[in-house]
Every structure is written in C-alpha cells, then in structure tokens.
Amino acid sequence: MREVNLRSVDLNLLVVLQKLLETRHVTRASEQLHMSQSAVSRALQRLRDTFDDPLLVRTSQGFDLSSRGTEILPRLQVLISGMEQLIAEPAFNPADAEDVVRVYGLDLEVACFVSPLLKVLRSDAPKMRLEVRSEPRDHFELLEKGEVHFCLSGMAPRTGEGEYRRLLIAQSGVVCMMSADHPLASEKLSFESYLSASHGLVSMTGQGPGHIDDRLAELGHKRHLALRLSNFMTSADFCENSDLLFILPEIVARRIAQGRNIALRSVPDELMVPPINFFLYWHERYHRDPMCRWIRQRILQVI
C-alpha cells in the first residue's frame, strides 16, 4: 500500500467522488452537487490522479465503476455519513436520555432552586439522574475540573471568570434571624443592639470573615462571632435554641424559619447591602452541550 499524505489531498473531492460513483454520470452528479459540469469533470480528473485509478470507465451502456471504484463506494458512503454525524449537532431527546446531571450548591440553595428541577426531570426525562453535591468547598474548582455541570452560588469566581457562563435565577435582600424568644425580637433592631449581641456565621469555604464583618471593619467596629457553620440548614437549630443572631439572605432565611420558633428582623441601616444575586454557573466546556442547554431552559421555566 502506497503511503498517502492527507495534507496534500483535497478532502472536499470525496463528496464529489461519492456522487460520481453513485450516479455513474458526470452531468447528474453536477446537478445534485449544484456544480458546473466542467467543474465536476475537472474534479474527476484530480480524483483519478489521487487514486491512480480511472474510477469511472466507459462501457457500451455508459459509464460504470472500475474495480477500485466498486470497492471504494460503500466505504466512502460510511465515511461521509460518519463525517456528517461528527459535524452535525447531536440531538437530545429528554424522554430517552440517560444522562447524569451533576449540580453543586449549598443545602438551602439546592432546596430553593434545584428541588423544582427534580420534578421536571421525573416528568420529562424519567431515565435521567440528578446528582447533587453540597459539601463546603470551592465550587468553581469543581466547574473547572469538569466534576459538575452546574453550580448555584451568590458568589463570583475569583479567577478565570472568562471561563464561566452564568444565569441570574434570583435576587434577595438580607434579614437578621434570631430566636423568637430573643430579647431583641420584640423591638426594631438598632446598630448598637446588633453589636451588643453574639453572632453566628454561615461560611461556605470555612475561611476568612463574612461580608458583614468586612462592612463592620469599614465602620470601625467588630462583632462577637460565637459560631461558624458550613451550611444554612443547621443555622436554624442553633438560632432557635440560643441567643445568636444570623444575617442571611431573606430567601434562605424564610425557607429555614418555616415552622420554627424563629423571628426575622430588618437589618440595621448601617449594615444594609445591595441585593444578593443567585446565579446558575456553568463552564464554557458545557455551554453548547445539548443536555446542558435543555437543563438551563427548564430551570428558567420552573424557577
């Protein structure tokens, strides 16, 4: 077998070759290819040079395939079909899909924004599986490594921001959560009263001060931080049975306060912050993935 340098071969000619071998006629091939007859004739000559074979030979009945042409045609049809499938956008049929959708978010973010998605999956894509991770960690690292398709967060990536896409799914102000039996629960919460109390903090990373501590530092104050937690759900238990105050996104606080002996109060004006944006993030590698695009569309519809 002679050695072939593909870089020297015009692969566009293979499409012409397929039509020539199928029709066994230069004029009909040119019509189907929307090319001039002379252009197809020139292409045939180049193909003959490339394959070192006539490919089409004259007979009393017109053109017929050479022995090499007969051998090439079925293999060429499979090759062209495979190339078309390779280039074409893959189809996604949720009813038959068996994909695994991997999502990261803290417990309350998952409860608020992901649980409605499961209902959709059970209805529209019953063979798919949803895997949710909620352990405290750098979730953008999970996106970067491709370990999850999506993450839910009110935070922004510190590095590589151009690698991520995002979709705004909710906005929320903040409230102060405390036990309904707390002495401050029966009055408007002043800045001085807030500073005099003890506090809890939910920290996803488990490191560094919270944004309220940063704000207090700007004002020349600090608070007594008595408890640091890694998830929102347990903050209701500690809050209900202690004198600790938590400042949380309102959408989260209202969710965990349901049915509990908990009061929600407005944050002092000095500690008011712009609304917290909750985003659905995904890495650029999954931006055009058909399954991930379908998931994003469904999340928009259910949230």
C-alpha atoms as a PDB file:
ATOM      1  CA  MET A   1       0.000   0.000   0.000  1.00  0.00           C
ATOM      2  CA  ARG A   2       1.437   3.336  -1.031  1.00  0.00           C
ATOM      3  CA  GLU A   3       1.929   5.990   1.634  1.00  0.00           C
ATOM      4  CA  VAL A   4      -0.549   8.882   1.466  1.00  0.00           C
ATOM      5  CA  ASN A   5      -0.051  12.385   2.838  1.00  0.00           C
ATOM      6  CA  LEU A   6      -3.565  13.561   3.746  1.00  0.00           C
ATOM      7  CA  ARG A   7      -2.393  17.156   3.882  1.00  0.00           C
ATOM      8  CA  SER A   8      -1.874  17.017   0.137  1.00  0.00           C
ATOM      9  CA  VAL A   9      -5.372  15.621  -0.515  1.00  0.00           C
ATOM     10  CA  ASP A  10      -8.372  17.895  -1.052  1.00  0.00           C
ATOM     11  CA  LEU A  11     -10.936  16.121   1.128  1.00  0.00           C
ATOM     12  CA  ASN A  12     -13.734  18.180  -0.458  1.00  0.00           C
ATOM     13  CA  LEU A  13     -13.263  15.984  -3.510  1.00  0.00           C
ATOM     14  CA  LEU A  14     -14.597  12.997  -1.567  1.00  0.00           C
ATOM     15  CA  VAL A  15     -18.099  14.476  -1.648  1.00  0.00           C
ATOM     16  CA  VAL A  16     -17.814  14.820  -5.420  1.00  0.00           C
ATOM     17  CA  LEU A  17     -16.453  11.298  -5.659  1.00  0.00           C
ATOM     18  CA  GLN A  18     -19.420   9.876  -3.756  1.00  0.00           C
ATOM     19  CA  LYS A  19     -21.902  11.463  -6.186  1.00  0.00           C
ATOM     20  CA  LEU A  20     -19.906  10.361  -9.209  1.00  0.00           C
ATOM     21  CA  LEU A  21     -19.751   6.764  -8.023  1.00  0.00           C
ATOM     22  CA  GLU A  22     -23.422   6.713  -7.033  1.00  0.00           C
ATOM     23  CA  THR A  23     -24.744   8.299 -10.245  1.00  0.00           C
ATOM     24  CA  ARG A  24     -22.041   6.977 -12.591  1.00  0.00           C
ATOM     25  CA  HIS A  25     -22.702  10.113 -14.592  1.00  0.00           C
ATOM     26  CA  VAL A  26     -20.879  13.461 -14.644  1.00  0.00           C
ATOM     27  CA  THR A  27     -23.937  15.520 -15.596  1.00  0.00           C
ATOM     28  CA  ARG A  28     -26.262  14.008 -12.970  1.00  0.00           C
ATOM     29  CA  ALA A  29     -23.545  14.344 -10.308  1.00  0.00           C
ATOM     30  CA  SER A  30     -23.055  18.009 -11.211  1.00  0.00           C
ATOM     31  CA  GLU A  31     -26.808  18.646 -10.939  1.00  0.00           C
ATOM     32  CA  GLN A  32     -27.028  17.042  -7.486  1.00  0.00           C
ATOM     33  CA  LEU A  33     -23.941  18.900  -6.292  1.00  0.00           C
ATOM     34  CA  HIS A  34     -25.094  22.234  -7.812  1.00  0.00           C
ATOM     35  CA  MET A  35     -21.791  22.469  -9.627  1.00  0.00           C
ATOM     36  CA  SER A  36     -20.996  23.056 -13.290  1.00  0.00           C
ATOM     37  CA  GLN A  37     -20.341  20.001 -15.443  1.00  0.00           C
ATOM     38  CA  SER A  38     -16.869  21.250 -16.271  1.00  0.00           C
ATOM     39  CA  ALA A  39     -16.033  21.659 -12.561  1.00  0.00           C
ATOM     40  CA  VAL A  40     -17.128  18.076 -11.845  1.00  0.00           C
ATOM     41  CA  SER A  41     -15.106  16.843 -14.842  1.00  0.00           C
ATOM     42  CA  ARG A  42     -12.014  18.591 -13.520  1.00  0.00           C
ATOM     43  CA  ALA A  43     -12.668  17.123 -10.061  1.00  0.00           C
ATOM     44  CA  LEU A  44     -12.939  13.637 -11.592  1.00  0.00           C
ATOM     45  CA  GLN A  45      -9.552  14.060 -13.235  1.00  0.00           C
ATOM     46  CA  ARG A  46      -7.992  15.139  -9.938  1.00  0.00           C
ATOM     47  CA  LEU A  47      -9.602  12.144  -8.202  1.00  0.00           C
ATOM     48  CA  ARG A  48      -8.195   9.817 -10.830  1.00  0.00           C
ATOM     49  CA  ASP A  49      -4.747  11.267 -10.183  1.00  0.00           C
ATOM     50  CA  THR A  50      -5.202  10.958  -6.397  1.00  0.00           C
ATOM     51  CA  PHE A  51      -6.372   7.339  -6.507  1.00  0.00           C
ATOM     52  CA  ASP A  52      -4.226   6.421  -9.506  1.00  0.00           C
ATOM     53  CA  ASP A  53      -7.296   4.752 -10.951  1.00  0.00           C
ATOM     54  CA  PRO A  54      -9.946   5.691 -13.567  1.00  0.00           C
ATOM     55  CA  LEU A  55     -12.783   5.154 -11.027  1.00  0.00           C
ATOM     56  CA  LEU A  56     -15.372   5.511 -13.836  1.00  0.00           C
ATOM     57  CA  VAL A  57     -14.847   3.633 -17.098  1.00  0.00           C
ATOM     58  CA  ARG A  58     -16.736   3.803 -20.387  1.00  0.00           C
ATOM     59  CA  THR A  59     -18.874   0.862 -21.466  1.00  0.00           C
ATOM     60  CA  SER A  60     -21.400   0.349 -24.270  1.00  0.00           C
ATOM     61  CA  GLN A  61     -24.104   1.260 -21.728  1.00  0.00           C
ATOM     62  CA  GLY A  62     -22.370   4.407 -20.498  1.00  0.00           C
ATOM     63  CA  PHE A  63     -20.043   4.818 -17.524  1.00  0.00           C
ATOM     64  CA  ASP A  64     -19.532   2.067 -14.953  1.00  0.00           C
ATOM     65  CA  LEU A  65     -17.376   1.731 -11.855  1.00  0.00           C
ATOM     66  CA  SER A  66     -13.872   0.444 -12.068  1.00  0.00           C
ATOM     67  CA  SER A  67     -12.904  -2.377  -9.739  1.00  0.00           C
ATOM     68  CA  ARG A  68     -11.371   0.189  -7.380  1.00  0.00           C
ATOM     69  CA  GLY A  69     -14.467   2.390  -7.631  1.00  0.00           C
ATOM     70  CA  THR A  70     -16.701  -0.568  -6.683  1.00  0.00           C
ATOM     71  CA  GLU A  71     -14.510  -1.200  -3.642  1.00  0.00           C
ATOM     72  CA  ILE A  72     -14.425   2.471  -2.622  1.00  0.00           C
ATOM     73  CA  LEU A  73     -18.142   3.343  -2.827  1.00  0.00           C
ATOM     74  CA  PRO A  74     -19.552   1.526   0.266  1.00  0.00           C
ATOM     75  CA  ARG A  75     -16.575   2.576   2.382  1.00  0.00           C
ATOM     76  CA  LEU A  76     -16.913   6.159   1.165  1.00  0.00           C
ATOM     77  CA  GLN A  77     -20.632   6.234   1.994  1.00  0.00           C
ATOM     78  CA  VAL A  78     -19.898   5.125   5.556  1.00  0.00           C
ATOM     79  CA  LEU A  79     -17.083   7.683   5.838  1.00  0.00           C
ATOM     80  CA  ILE A  80     -19.179  10.608   4.568  1.00  0.00           C
ATOM     81  CA  SER A  81     -22.102   9.635   6.800  1.00  0.00           C
ATOM     82  CA  GLY A  82     -19.766   9.486   9.799  1.00  0.00           C
ATOM     83  CA  MET A  83     -18.319  12.885   8.977  1.00  0.00           C
ATOM     84  CA  GLU A  84     -21.817  14.368   8.719  1.00  0.00           C
ATOM     85  CA  GLN A  85     -22.719  12.938  12.128  1.00  0.00           C
ATOM     86  CA  LEU A  86     -19.454  14.220  13.576  1.00  0.00           C
ATOM     87  CA  ILE A  87     -20.126  17.759  12.415  1.00  0.00           C
ATOM     88  CA  ALA A  88     -23.884  17.832  12.980  1.00  0.00           C
ATOM     89  CA  GLU A  89     -25.157  18.983  16.365  1.00  0.00           C
ATOM     90  CA  PRO A  90     -26.042  15.954  18.485  1.00  0.00           C
ATOM     91  CA  ALA A  91     -29.727  15.567  19.177  1.00  0.00           C
ATOM     92  CA  PHE A  92     -31.079  15.478  22.716  1.00  0.00           C
ATOM     93  CA  ASN A  93     -34.315  13.688  23.479  1.00  0.00           C
ATOM     94  CA  PRO A  94     -35.121  14.071  27.198  1.00  0.00           C
ATOM     95  CA  ALA A  95     -37.681  11.250  27.134  1.00  0.00           C
ATOM     96  CA  ASP A  96     -34.959   8.728  26.194  1.00  0.00           C
ATOM     97  CA  ALA A  97     -31.898  10.421  27.693  1.00  0.00           C
ATOM     98  CA  GLU A  98     -29.998   8.585  30.417  1.00  0.00           C
ATOM     99  CA  ASP A  99     -27.585  11.414  31.241  1.00  0.00           C
ATOM    100  CA  VAL A 100     -26.425  12.226  34.758  1.00  0.00           C
ATOM    101  CA  VAL A 101     -26.845  15.913  35.683  1.00  0.00           C
ATOM    102  CA  ARG A 102     -24.286  16.918  38.312  1.00  0.00           C
ATOM    103  CA  VAL A 103     -25.046  20.040  40.358  1.00  0.00           C
ATOM    104  CA  TYR A 104     -23.253  21.737  43.246  1.00  0.00           C
ATOM    105  CA  GLY A 105     -24.860  24.111  45.720  1.00  0.00           C
ATOM    106  CA  LEU A 106     -25.163  24.677  49.413  1.00  0.00           C
ATOM    107  CA  ASP A 107     -28.016  22.875  51.100  1.00  0.00           C
ATOM    108  CA  LEU A 108     -30.506  25.754  51.084  1.00  0.00           C
ATOM    109  CA  GLU A 109     -29.601  26.874  47.597  1.00  0.00           C
ATOM    110  CA  VAL A 110     -30.268  23.325  46.470  1.00  0.00           C
ATOM    111  CA  ALA A 111     -33.587  23.230  48.336  1.00  0.00           C
ATOM    112  CA  CYS A 112     -34.702  26.569  46.906  1.00  0.00           C
ATOM    113  CA  PHE A 113     -33.572  26.174  43.316  1.00  0.00           C
ATOM    114  CA  VAL A 114     -32.768  22.549  42.473  1.00  0.00           C
ATOM    115  CA  SER A 115     -35.647  20.617  44.022  1.00  0.00           C
ATOM    116  CA  PRO A 116     -38.144  22.026  41.474  1.00  0.00           C
ATOM    117  CA  LEU A 117     -35.871  20.737  38.720  1.00  0.00           C
ATOM    118  CA  LEU A 118     -36.151  17.171  40.001  1.00  0.00           C
ATOM    119  CA  LYS A 119     -39.910  17.280  39.496  1.00  0.00           C
ATOM    120  CA  VAL A 120     -39.347  18.277  35.871  1.00  0.00           C
ATOM    121  CA  LEU A 121     -36.817  15.505  35.339  1.00  0.00           C
ATOM    122  CA  ARG A 122     -39.142  12.876  36.774  1.00  0.00           C
ATOM    123  CA  SER A 123     -41.854  14.061  34.393  1.00  0.00           C
ATOM    124  CA  ASP A 124     -39.964  14.894  31.192  1.00  0.00           C
ATOM    125  CA  ALA A 125     -36.751  12.883  31.490  1.00  0.00           C
ATOM    126  CA  PRO A 126     -37.502   9.896  33.757  1.00  0.00           C
ATOM    127  CA  LYS A 127     -34.333   7.995  32.794  1.00  0.00           C
ATOM    128  CA  MET A 128     -32.005  10.838  33.743  1.00  0.00           C
ATOM    129  CA  ARG A 129     -30.372  11.079  37.158  1.00  0.00           C
ATOM    130  CA  LEU A 130     -29.685  14.159  39.252  1.00  0.00           C
ATOM    131  CA  GLU A 131     -26.582  14.121  41.458  1.00  0.00           C
ATOM    132  CA  VAL A 132     -26.241  16.961  43.969  1.00  0.00           C
ATOM    133  CA  ARG A 133     -23.137  17.855  45.971  1.00  0.00           C
ATOM    134  CA  SER A 134     -23.333  20.248  48.920  1.00  0.00           C
ATOM    135  CA  GLU A 135     -20.105  19.809  50.871  1.00  0.00           C
ATOM    136  CA  PRO A 136     -18.393  23.126  51.717  1.00  0.00           C
ATOM    137  CA  ARG A 137     -15.654  23.756  49.161  1.00  0.00           C
ATOM    138  CA  ASP A 138     -14.594  25.924  46.249  1.00  0.00           C
ATOM    139  CA  HIS A 139     -17.357  25.090  43.812  1.00  0.00           C
ATOM    140  CA  PHE A 140     -15.695  26.937  40.932  1.00  0.00           C
ATOM    141  CA  GLU A 141     -12.887  24.405  41.216  1.00  0.00           C
ATOM    142  CA  LEU A 142     -15.481  21.701  40.611  1.00  0.00           C
ATOM    143  CA  LEU A 143     -16.619  23.502  37.462  1.00  0.00           C
ATOM    144  CA  GLU A 144     -13.045  23.998  36.314  1.00  0.00           C
ATOM    145  CA  LYS A 145     -12.258  20.291  36.691  1.00  0.00           C
ATOM    146  CA  GLY A 146     -15.488  19.242  34.993  1.00  0.00           C
ATOM    147  CA  GLU A 147     -16.728  17.375  38.084  1.00  0.00           C
ATOM    148  CA  VAL A 148     -20.113  19.132  37.947  1.00  0.00           C
ATOM    149  CA  HIS A 149     -22.180  20.602  35.122  1.00  0.00           C
ATOM    150  CA  PHE A 150     -23.667  23.452  37.176  1.00  0.00           C
ATOM    151  CA  CYS A 151     -23.249  25.233  40.458  1.00  0.00           C
ATOM    152  CA  LEU A 152     -25.582  27.569  42.316  1.00  0.00           C
ATOM    153  CA  SER A 153     -23.995  30.460  44.129  1.00  0.00           C
ATOM    154  CA  GLY A 154     -24.308  34.024  45.253  1.00  0.00           C
ATOM    155  CA  MET A 155     -20.540  34.321  44.965  1.00  0.00           C
ATOM    156  CA  ALA A 156     -18.399  35.243  41.966  1.00  0.00           C
ATOM    157  CA  PRO A 157     -15.281  33.382  40.825  1.00  0.00           C
ATOM    158  CA  ARG A 158     -12.046  34.953  41.998  1.00  0.00           C
ATOM    159  CA  THR A 159     -10.072  33.806  38.957  1.00  0.00           C
ATOM    160  CA  GLY A 160     -10.788  32.587  35.445  1.00  0.00           C
ATOM    161  CA  GLU A 161     -14.063  34.486  35.227  1.00  0.00           C
ATOM    162  CA  GLY A 162     -13.966  34.315  31.423  1.00  0.00           C
ATOM    163  CA  GLU A 163     -14.236  30.515  31.628  1.00  0.00           C
ATOM    164  CA  TYR A 164     -17.708  30.589  33.152  1.00  0.00           C
ATOM    165  CA  ARG A 165     -21.194  31.413  31.966  1.00  0.00           C
ATOM    166  CA  ARG A 166     -23.967  32.328  34.348  1.00  0.00           C
ATOM    167  CA  LEU A 167     -27.703  32.849  34.557  1.00  0.00           C
ATOM    168  CA  LEU A 168     -29.385  35.062  37.163  1.00  0.00           C
ATOM    169  CA  ILE A 169     -32.059  32.963  38.869  1.00  0.00           C
ATOM    170  CA  ALA A 170     -32.948  35.000  41.964  1.00  0.00           C
ATOM    171  CA  GLN A 171     -32.264  38.178  43.934  1.00  0.00           C
ATOM    172  CA  SER A 172     -32.633  38.545  47.672  1.00  0.00           C
ATOM    173  CA  GLY A 173     -32.096  41.128  50.374  1.00  0.00           C
ATOM    174  CA  VAL A 174     -30.789  40.140  53.807  1.00  0.00           C
ATOM    175  CA  VAL A 175     -32.552  39.776  57.169  1.00  0.00           C
ATOM    176  CA  CYS A 176     -31.458  39.129  60.716  1.00  0.00           C
ATOM    177  CA  MET A 177     -32.607  35.764  62.069  1.00  0.00           C
ATOM    178  CA  MET A 178     -32.936  35.098  65.788  1.00  0.00           C
ATOM    179  CA  SER A 179     -34.945  33.053  68.239  1.00  0.00           C
ATOM    180  CA  ALA A 180     -38.483  34.359  68.714  1.00  0.00           C
ATOM    181  CA  ASP A 181     -37.659  34.383  72.441  1.00  0.00           C
ATOM    182  CA  HIS A 182     -34.599  36.597  71.969  1.00  0.00           C
ATOM    183  CA  PRO A 183     -34.899  39.954  73.819  1.00  0.00           C
ATOM    184  CA  LEU A 184     -34.215  41.775  70.535  1.00  0.00           C
ATOM    185  CA  ALA A 185     -37.047  40.006  68.723  1.00  0.00           C
ATOM    186  CA  SER A 186     -39.669  42.326  70.156  1.00  0.00           C
ATOM    187  CA  GLU A 187     -38.095  45.590  69.005  1.00  0.00           C
ATOM    188  CA  LYS A 188     -36.608  47.239  65.950  1.00  0.00           C
ATOM    189  CA  LEU A 189     -33.027  46.102  65.663  1.00  0.00           C
ATOM    190  CA  SER A 190     -30.635  49.038  66.080  1.00  0.00           C
ATOM    191  CA  PHE A 191     -26.987  49.048  65.155  1.00  0.00           C
ATOM    192  CA  GLU A 192     -25.989  49.339  68.819  1.00  0.00           C
ATOM    193  CA  SER A 193     -28.212  46.402  69.812  1.00  0.00           C
ATOM    194  CA  TYR A 194     -26.802  44.342  66.990  1.00  0.00           C
ATOM    195  CA  LEU A 195     -23.225  44.984  68.108  1.00  0.00           C
ATOM    196  CA  SER A 196     -24.071  44.072  71.704  1.00  0.00           C
ATOM    197  CA  ALA A 197     -25.314  40.609  70.708  1.00  0.00           C
ATOM    198  CA  SER A 198     -23.422  37.412  69.864  1.00  0.00           C
ATOM    199  CA  HIS A 199     -23.498  36.110  66.338  1.00  0.00           C
ATOM    200  CA  GLY A 200     -23.345  33.103  64.085  1.00  0.00           C
ATOM    201  CA  LEU A 201     -21.877  32.955  60.592  1.00  0.00           C
ATOM    202  CA  VAL A 202     -22.528  30.577  57.721  1.00  0.00           C
ATOM    203  CA  SER A 203     -19.307  30.286  55.731  1.00  0.00           C
ATOM    204  CA  MET A 204     -19.236  28.121  52.646  1.00  0.00           C
ATOM    205  CA  THR A 205     -15.452  27.988  52.472  1.00  0.00           C
ATOM    206  CA  GLY A 206     -14.919  27.877  56.229  1.00  0.00           C
ATOM    207  CA  GLN A 207     -12.267  30.546  55.888  1.00  0.00           C
ATOM    208  CA  GLY A 208     -11.987  34.281  56.394  1.00  0.00           C
ATOM    209  CA  PRO A 209     -14.512  36.817  57.720  1.00  0.00           C
ATOM    210  CA  GLY A 210     -18.007  37.240  56.364  1.00  0.00           C
ATOM    211  CA  HIS A 211     -19.146  40.215  54.311  1.00  0.00           C
ATOM    212  CA  ILE A 212     -20.848  41.666  57.422  1.00  0.00           C
ATOM    213  CA  ASP A 213     -17.513  41.562  59.245  1.00  0.00           C
ATOM    214  CA  ASP A 214     -15.919  43.397  56.318  1.00  0.00           C
ATOM    215  CA  ARG A 215     -18.656  46.028  56.491  1.00  0.00           C
ATOM    216  CA  LEU A 216     -18.218  46.406  60.261  1.00  0.00           C
ATOM    217  CA  ALA A 217     -14.461  46.837  59.801  1.00  0.00           C
ATOM    218  CA  GLU A 218     -15.135  49.677  57.354  1.00  0.00           C
ATOM    219  CA  LEU A 219     -17.225  51.318  60.087  1.00  0.00           C
ATOM    220  CA  GLY A 220     -14.527  50.725  62.708  1.00  0.00           C
ATOM    221  CA  HIS A 221     -16.426  48.016  64.598  1.00  0.00           C
ATOM    222  CA  LYS A 222     -16.340  44.271  65.093  1.00  0.00           C
ATOM    223  CA  ARG A 223     -18.839  41.763  66.409  1.00  0.00           C
ATOM    224  CA  HIS A 224     -18.531  38.786  68.722  1.00  0.00           C
ATOM    225  CA  LEU A 225     -18.636  35.764  66.442  1.00  0.00           C
ATOM    226  CA  ALA A 226     -19.565  32.795  68.630  1.00  0.00           C
ATOM    227  CA  LEU A 227     -20.313  30.189  65.959  1.00  0.00           C
ATOM    228  CA  ARG A 228     -19.203  29.413  62.409  1.00  0.00           C
ATOM    229  CA  LEU A 229     -21.206  26.892  60.358  1.00  0.00           C
ATOM    230  CA  SER A 230     -20.684  25.401  56.934  1.00  0.00           C
ATOM    231  CA  ASN A 231     -24.336  25.124  55.900  1.00  0.00           C
ATOM    232  CA  PHE A 232     -27.547  27.074  56.205  1.00  0.00           C
ATOM    233  CA  MET A 233     -29.896  24.330  57.352  1.00  0.00           C
ATOM    234  CA  THR A 234     -28.323  23.807  60.779  1.00  0.00           C
ATOM    235  CA  SER A 235     -28.271  27.548  61.479  1.00  0.00           C
ATOM    236  CA  ALA A 236     -31.998  27.359  62.296  1.00  0.00           C
ATOM    237  CA  ASP A 237     -31.346  24.780  65.029  1.00  0.00           C
ATOM    238  CA  PHE A 238     -28.595  26.833  66.645  1.00  0.00           C
ATOM    239  CA  CYS A 239     -30.544  30.063  66.280  1.00  0.00           C
ATOM    240  CA  GLU A 240     -33.761  28.677  67.753  1.00  0.00           C
ATOM    241  CA  ASN A 241     -32.010  27.364  70.858  1.00  0.00           C
ATOM    242  CA  SER A 242     -29.511  30.124  71.594  1.00  0.00           C
ATOM    243  CA  ASP A 243     -29.096  33.886  71.765  1.00  0.00           C
ATOM    244  CA  LEU A 244     -27.172  34.048  68.485  1.00  0.00           C
ATOM    245  CA  LEU A 245     -28.085  36.308  65.550  1.00  0.00           C
ATOM    246  CA  PHE A 246     -27.541  35.353  61.929  1.00  0.00           C
ATOM    247  CA  ILE A 247     -27.682  37.658  58.937  1.00  0.00           C
ATOM    248  CA  LEU A 248     -28.834  35.591  55.979  1.00  0.00           C
ATOM    249  CA  PRO A 249     -30.291  36.098  52.514  1.00  0.00           C
ATOM    250  CA  GLU A 250     -34.023  36.581  53.030  1.00  0.00           C
ATOM    251  CA  ILE A 251     -34.975  33.879  50.533  1.00  0.00           C
ATOM    252  CA  VAL A 252     -32.919  31.408  52.566  1.00  0.00           C
ATOM    253  CA  ALA A 253     -33.984  32.638  55.997  1.00  0.00           C
ATOM    254  CA  ARG A 254     -37.687  32.404  55.211  1.00  0.00           C
ATOM    255  CA  ARG A 255     -37.248  28.870  53.971  1.00  0.00           C
ATOM    256  CA  ILE A 256     -35.496  27.563  57.074  1.00  0.00           C
ATOM    257  CA  ALA A 257     -37.651  29.581  59.506  1.00  0.00           C
ATOM    258  CA  GLN A 258     -40.884  27.856  58.467  1.00  0.00           C
ATOM    259  CA  GLY A 259     -42.467  26.088  61.423  1.00  0.00           C
ATOM    260  CA  ARG A 260     -39.687  27.160  63.790  1.00  0.00           C
ATOM    261  CA  ASN A 261     -39.636  29.401  66.851  1.00  0.00           C
ATOM    262  CA  ILE A 262     -37.687  31.976  64.888  1.00  0.00           C
ATOM    263  CA  ALA A 263     -38.108  35.683  64.222  1.00  0.00           C
ATOM    264  CA  LEU A 264     -36.841  37.615  61.220  1.00  0.00           C
ATOM    265  CA  ARG A 265     -35.995  41.278  61.638  1.00  0.00           C
ATOM    266  CA  SER A 266     -34.742  44.005  59.349  1.00  0.00           C
ATOM    267  CA  VAL A 267     -31.018  44.546  59.342  1.00  0.00           C
ATOM    268  CA  PRO A 268     -29.815  47.889  60.771  1.00  0.00           C
ATOM    269  CA  ASP A 269     -29.450  50.550  58.104  1.00  0.00           C
ATOM    270  CA  GLU A 270     -25.690  50.664  58.640  1.00  0.00           C
ATOM    271  CA  LEU A 271     -25.412  47.005  57.546  1.00  0.00           C
ATOM    272  CA  MET A 272     -27.765  47.054  54.595  1.00  0.00           C
ATOM    273  CA  VAL A 273     -26.154  45.656  51.468  1.00  0.00           C
ATOM    274  CA  PRO A 274     -27.240  45.546  47.823  1.00  0.00           C
ATOM    275  CA  PRO A 275     -29.475  42.587  46.924  1.00  0.00           C
ATOM    276  CA  ILE A 276     -27.646  39.282  46.748  1.00  0.00           C
ATOM    277  CA  ASN A 277     -27.746  37.741  43.288  1.00  0.00           C
ATOM    278  CA  PHE A 278     -28.019  33.993  42.980  1.00  0.00           C
ATOM    279  CA  PHE A 279     -26.564  32.631  39.769  1.00  0.00           C
ATOM    280  CA  LEU A 280     -26.528  29.335  37.980  1.00  0.00           C
ATOM    281  CA  TYR A 281     -22.934  28.908  36.776  1.00  0.00           C
ATOM    282  CA  TRP A 282     -21.529  26.528  34.190  1.00  0.00           C
ATOM    283  CA  HIS A 283     -18.168  26.156  32.499  1.00  0.00           C
ATOM    284  CA  GLU A 284     -17.620  27.157  28.886  1.00  0.00           C
ATOM    285  CA  ARG A 285     -16.982  23.485  28.006  1.00  0.00           C
ATOM    286  CA  TYR A 286     -20.676  22.720  28.594  1.00  0.00           C
ATOM    287  CA  HIS A 287     -22.138  25.873  27.087  1.00  0.00           C
ATOM    288  CA  ARG A 288     -23.221  24.222  23.824  1.00  0.00           C
ATOM    289  CA  ASP A 289     -23.846  20.754  25.209  1.00  0.00           C
ATOM    290  CA  PRO A 290     -27.456  19.826  24.193  1.00  0.00           C
ATOM    291  CA  MET A 291     -28.303  18.252  27.542  1.00  0.00           C
ATOM    292  CA  CYS A 292     -26.987  21.239  29.497  1.00  0.00           C
ATOM    293  CA  ARG A 293     -28.831  23.677  27.252  1.00  0.00           C
ATOM    294  CA  TRP A 294     -32.069  21.798  27.880  1.00  0.00           C
ATOM    295  CA  ILE A 295     -31.461  21.858  31.647  1.00  0.00           C
ATOM    296  CA  ARG A 296     -30.874  25.621  31.575  1.00  0.00           C
ATOM    297  CA  GLN A 297     -34.104  26.179  29.662  1.00  0.00           C
ATOM    298  CA  ARG A 298     -36.079  24.058  32.109  1.00  0.00           C
ATOM    299  CA  ILE A 299     -34.549  25.811  35.133  1.00  0.00           C
ATOM    300  CA  LEU A 300     -35.649  29.137  33.692  1.00  0.00           C
ATOM    301  CA  GLN A 301     -39.173  27.796  33.338  1.00  0.00           C
ATOM    302  CA  VAL A 302     -39.515  26.315  36.835  1.00  0.00           C
ATOM    303  CA  ILE A 303     -37.702  28.898  38.981  1.00  0.00           C
END
